[in-house]
């Protein structure tokens, strides 16, 4: 393994492990329905990363990055999705009584309330609309590939990043699945709903202001 590959793996780990929108979604579903639900959300995010990597290999993402309006549109879509989930969490924090089963708040969910498509969908869309992933795959990853290398070398780095990201999400999901009992009281769970909602709205605003 070359020093350049090791440098990329270190960078990929920092990029994947630093908490962001995808981490928030994985943690949210973990607290709502356990480690399995968090892992399903992580699987949706990995599917989106695979699509991003495939488009980057095909050159489509490069065109998107060179077209500012397209990249901006991607960022706006991601921000709107973040804001939508944030508002649902805030609604769960203040709404009296039991909410609709499809609400994602930990205070109102049990593993049986949601099908697996909901966390998968959230993980997928939060990552496929993430312009940071697009920019990373197009502007950063190729710089670690020696000149004259085949597309397989680039694909290897994409696969390495996806594997590292999945491992980080497994870590967060496992960690917070053990903390679910701390939020058994309704007051604490409502505070958690509010905190997650504020975090998601903050991330939405941060994406729009880039």
Protein backbone atom coordinates (compact mmCIF):
# COMPACT_ATOMS: atom_id res chain seq x y z
CA UNK A 1 0.00 0.00 0.00
CA UNK A 2 1.51 3.33 -1.07
CA UNK A 3 1.89 6.39 1.12
CA UNK A 4 -0.57 8.18 -1.16
CA UNK A 5 -3.21 5.53 -0.50
CA UNK A 6 -2.60 5.71 3.24
CA UNK A 7 -2.96 9.48 3.10
CA UNK A 8 -6.27 9.12 1.29
CA UNK A 9 -7.57 6.56 3.80
CA UNK A 10 -6.72 8.94 6.64
CA UNK A 11 -8.51 11.80 4.91
CA UNK A 12 -11.50 9.59 4.08
CA UNK A 13 -11.78 8.56 7.72
CA UNK A 14 -11.81 12.17 8.91
CA UNK A 15 -14.39 13.09 6.25
CA UNK A 16 -16.64 10.15 7.16
CA UNK A 17 -16.27 10.25 10.94
CA UNK A 18 -16.92 13.98 11.34
CA UNK A 19 -20.62 14.22 12.35
CA UNK A 20 -22.85 15.75 9.71
CA UNK A 21 -26.32 15.41 8.22
CA UNK A 22 -26.01 11.69 7.47
CA UNK A 23 -24.75 11.00 11.00
CA UNK A 24 -27.71 12.91 12.43
CA UNK A 25 -30.16 10.81 10.40
CA UNK A 26 -28.50 7.54 11.44
CA UNK A 27 -28.53 8.56 15.12
CA UNK A 28 -32.12 9.74 14.89
CA UNK A 29 -33.36 6.43 13.53
CA UNK A 30 -31.22 4.49 15.98
CA UNK A 31 -32.79 6.29 18.93
CA UNK A 32 -36.21 5.84 17.36
CA UNK A 33 -36.06 2.13 16.60
CA UNK A 34 -32.76 0.61 17.63
CA UNK A 35 -29.49 -0.31 15.98
CA UNK A 36 -31.14 -2.18 13.10
CA UNK A 37 -33.10 0.89 12.04
CA UNK A 38 -30.01 3.03 12.21
CA UNK A 39 -28.17 0.51 10.06
CA UNK A 40 -30.95 0.60 7.46
CA UNK A 41 -30.53 4.39 7.27
CA UNK A 42 -26.79 3.85 6.87
CA UNK A 43 -27.52 1.40 4.05
CA UNK A 44 -29.58 4.04 2.26
CA UNK A 45 -26.71 6.50 2.61
CA UNK A 46 -24.26 3.96 1.21
CA UNK A 47 -26.53 3.34 -1.78
CA UNK A 48 -26.53 7.07 -2.47
CA UNK A 49 -22.73 7.16 -2.19
CA UNK A 50 -22.50 4.29 -4.69
CA UNK A 51 -24.64 6.24 -7.14
CA UNK A 52 -22.53 9.36 -6.59
CA UNK A 53 -19.35 7.35 -7.20
CA UNK A 54 -20.78 5.76 -10.36
CA UNK A 55 -21.78 9.15 -11.75
CA UNK A 56 -18.33 10.51 -10.91
CA UNK A 57 -16.66 7.63 -12.77
CA UNK A 58 -18.93 8.26 -15.73
CA UNK A 59 -18.06 11.95 -15.74
CA UNK A 60 -21.59 13.15 -15.01
CA UNK A 61 -20.72 14.58 -11.60
CA UNK A 62 -17.83 16.52 -13.13
CA UNK A 63 -20.28 18.31 -15.40
CA UNK A 64 -22.47 19.05 -12.39
CA UNK A 65 -19.59 20.56 -10.43
CA UNK A 66 -18.61 22.72 -13.42
CA UNK A 67 -22.21 23.91 -13.68
CA UNK A 68 -22.74 26.09 -10.56
CA UNK A 69 -26.51 26.24 -10.99
CA UNK A 70 -26.74 22.46 -10.98
CA UNK A 71 -24.64 22.11 -7.84
CA UNK A 72 -26.64 24.88 -6.19
CA UNK A 73 -29.88 23.11 -7.07
CA UNK A 74 -28.54 19.94 -5.47
CA UNK A 75 -27.67 21.88 -2.32
CA UNK A 76 -31.13 23.48 -2.17
CA UNK A 77 -32.82 20.08 -2.51
CA UNK A 78 -30.69 18.69 0.30
CA UNK A 79 -31.38 21.70 2.51
CA UNK A 80 -35.13 21.41 1.97
CA UNK A 81 -35.04 17.74 2.90
CA UNK A 82 -33.06 18.53 6.06
CA UNK A 83 -35.51 21.29 6.96
CA UNK A 84 -38.48 18.98 6.40
CA UNK A 85 -37.09 16.39 8.80
CA UNK A 86 -36.13 19.09 11.29
CA UNK A 87 -39.64 20.52 11.33
CA UNK A 88 -41.09 17.05 11.86
CA UNK A 89 -38.87 16.60 14.90
CA UNK A 90 -39.89 19.98 16.31
CA UNK A 91 -43.55 19.13 15.72
CA UNK A 92 -43.07 15.90 17.64
CA UNK A 93 -41.47 17.81 20.50
CA UNK A 94 -44.46 20.11 21.05
CA UNK A 95 -47.46 18.09 19.84
CA UNK A 96 -49.72 16.79 22.62
CA UNK A 97 -50.62 13.13 22.84
CA UNK A 98 -49.57 10.42 20.40
CA UNK A 99 -48.49 11.43 16.92
CA UNK A 100 -49.03 9.70 13.66
CA UNK A 101 -47.11 6.44 13.31
CA UNK A 102 -44.96 7.74 10.47
CA UNK A 103 -43.50 10.56 12.57
CA UNK A 104 -39.81 9.94 13.03
CA UNK A 105 -39.51 11.28 16.56
CA UNK A 106 -37.98 8.96 19.19
CA UNK A 107 -40.72 9.96 21.63
CA UNK A 108 -43.41 8.38 19.51
CA UNK A 109 -41.74 5.53 17.68
CA UNK A 110 -41.22 1.90 18.38
CA UNK A 111 -39.52 -0.52 15.96
CA UNK A 112 -42.87 -1.75 14.74
CA UNK A 113 -44.24 1.63 13.74
CA UNK A 114 -42.12 2.17 10.66
CA UNK A 115 -41.26 -0.05 7.79
CA UNK A 116 -37.63 -0.34 6.69
CA UNK A 117 -38.22 1.91 3.68
CA UNK A 118 -38.53 5.05 5.83
CA UNK A 119 -35.02 5.02 7.35
CA UNK A 120 -33.59 3.77 4.06
CA UNK A 121 -35.27 6.63 2.21
CA UNK A 122 -34.02 9.22 4.68
CA UNK A 123 -30.45 7.92 4.53
CA UNK A 124 -30.55 7.77 0.74
CA UNK A 125 -31.91 11.25 0.07
CA UNK A 126 -29.78 12.96 2.70
CA UNK A 127 -26.67 11.64 0.96
CA UNK A 128 -27.69 11.80 -2.69
CA UNK A 129 -28.56 15.50 -2.24
CA UNK A 130 -25.31 16.22 -0.40
CA UNK A 131 -23.10 18.48 -2.54
CA UNK A 132 -20.16 17.83 -0.20
CA UNK A 133 -20.09 14.18 -1.28
CA UNK A 134 -20.25 15.20 -4.96
CA UNK A 135 -17.40 17.67 -4.55
CA UNK A 136 -15.34 15.16 -2.57
CA UNK A 137 -15.74 12.46 -5.20
CA UNK A 138 -15.00 14.80 -8.10
CA UNK A 139 -12.51 17.30 -6.70
CA UNK A 140 -10.61 15.43 -3.99
CA UNK A 141 -10.53 11.67 -4.62
CA UNK A 142 -9.02 11.86 -8.15
CA UNK A 143 -6.02 13.80 -6.81
CA UNK A 144 -4.89 10.65 -5.01
CA UNK A 145 -4.82 8.58 -8.21
CA UNK A 146 -1.46 8.52 -10.03
CA UNK A 147 -1.44 9.85 -13.57
CA UNK A 148 -2.08 7.18 -16.17
CA UNK A 149 -3.93 4.86 -13.78
CA UNK A 150 -7.02 3.01 -14.95
CA UNK A 151 -10.50 3.72 -13.73
CA UNK A 152 -10.13 0.77 -11.36
CA UNK A 153 -7.73 2.74 -9.18
CA UNK A 154 -10.31 5.50 -8.76
CA UNK A 155 -13.08 2.96 -8.16
CA UNK A 156 -10.96 1.38 -5.42
CA UNK A 157 -10.70 4.70 -3.59
CA UNK A 158 -14.44 5.29 -3.91
CA UNK A 159 -15.10 1.82 -2.49
CA UNK A 160 -12.64 2.44 0.33
CA UNK A 161 -14.42 5.65 1.30
CA UNK A 162 -17.84 3.99 1.22
CA UNK A 163 -16.56 1.16 3.43
CA UNK A 164 -15.05 3.61 5.92
CA UNK A 165 -18.25 5.66 5.99
CA UNK A 166 -20.35 2.56 6.61
CA UNK A 167 -18.03 1.54 9.43
CA UNK A 168 -18.39 4.98 11.04
CA UNK A 169 -22.17 4.77 10.79
CA UNK A 170 -22.09 1.31 12.38
CA UNK A 171 -20.09 2.82 15.24
CA UNK A 172 -22.55 5.69 15.79
CA UNK A 173 -25.53 3.38 15.52
CA UNK A 174 -24.07 0.89 18.00
CA UNK A 175 -23.11 3.66 20.42
CA UNK A 176 -26.48 5.35 20.46
CA UNK A 177 -28.46 2.12 20.53
CA UNK A 178 -27.01 1.59 24.01
CA UNK A 179 -28.16 5.06 25.03
CA UNK A 180 -31.83 4.54 24.13
CA UNK A 181 -32.75 3.71 27.72
CA UNK A 182 -31.57 7.17 28.78
CA UNK A 183 -34.46 8.68 26.85
CA UNK A 184 -37.24 6.50 28.26
CA UNK A 185 -38.93 9.45 30.01
CA UNK A 186 -41.27 11.52 27.86
CA UNK A 187 -39.78 14.84 28.92
CA UNK A 188 -36.26 13.77 27.96
CA UNK A 189 -37.47 12.35 24.69
CA UNK A 190 -39.27 15.56 23.81
CA UNK A 191 -36.10 17.50 24.56
CA UNK A 192 -34.27 15.13 22.25
CA UNK A 193 -36.87 15.69 19.51
CA UNK A 194 -36.34 19.43 19.86
CA UNK A 195 -32.54 19.14 19.87
CA UNK A 196 -32.50 16.94 16.76
CA UNK A 197 -34.95 19.29 15.03
CA UNK A 198 -32.82 22.34 15.77
CA UNK A 199 -29.68 20.51 14.60
CA UNK A 200 -31.28 19.50 11.30
CA UNK A 201 -32.56 23.03 10.68
CA UNK A 202 -29.10 24.41 11.46
CA UNK A 203 -27.55 22.03 8.94
CA UNK A 204 -30.15 23.08 6.36
CA UNK A 205 -29.28 26.75 6.85
CA UNK A 206 -25.55 25.99 6.73
CA UNK A 207 -25.95 24.17 3.41
CA UNK A 208 -27.88 27.11 1.93
CA UNK A 209 -25.30 29.66 3.09
CA UNK A 210 -22.33 27.89 1.45
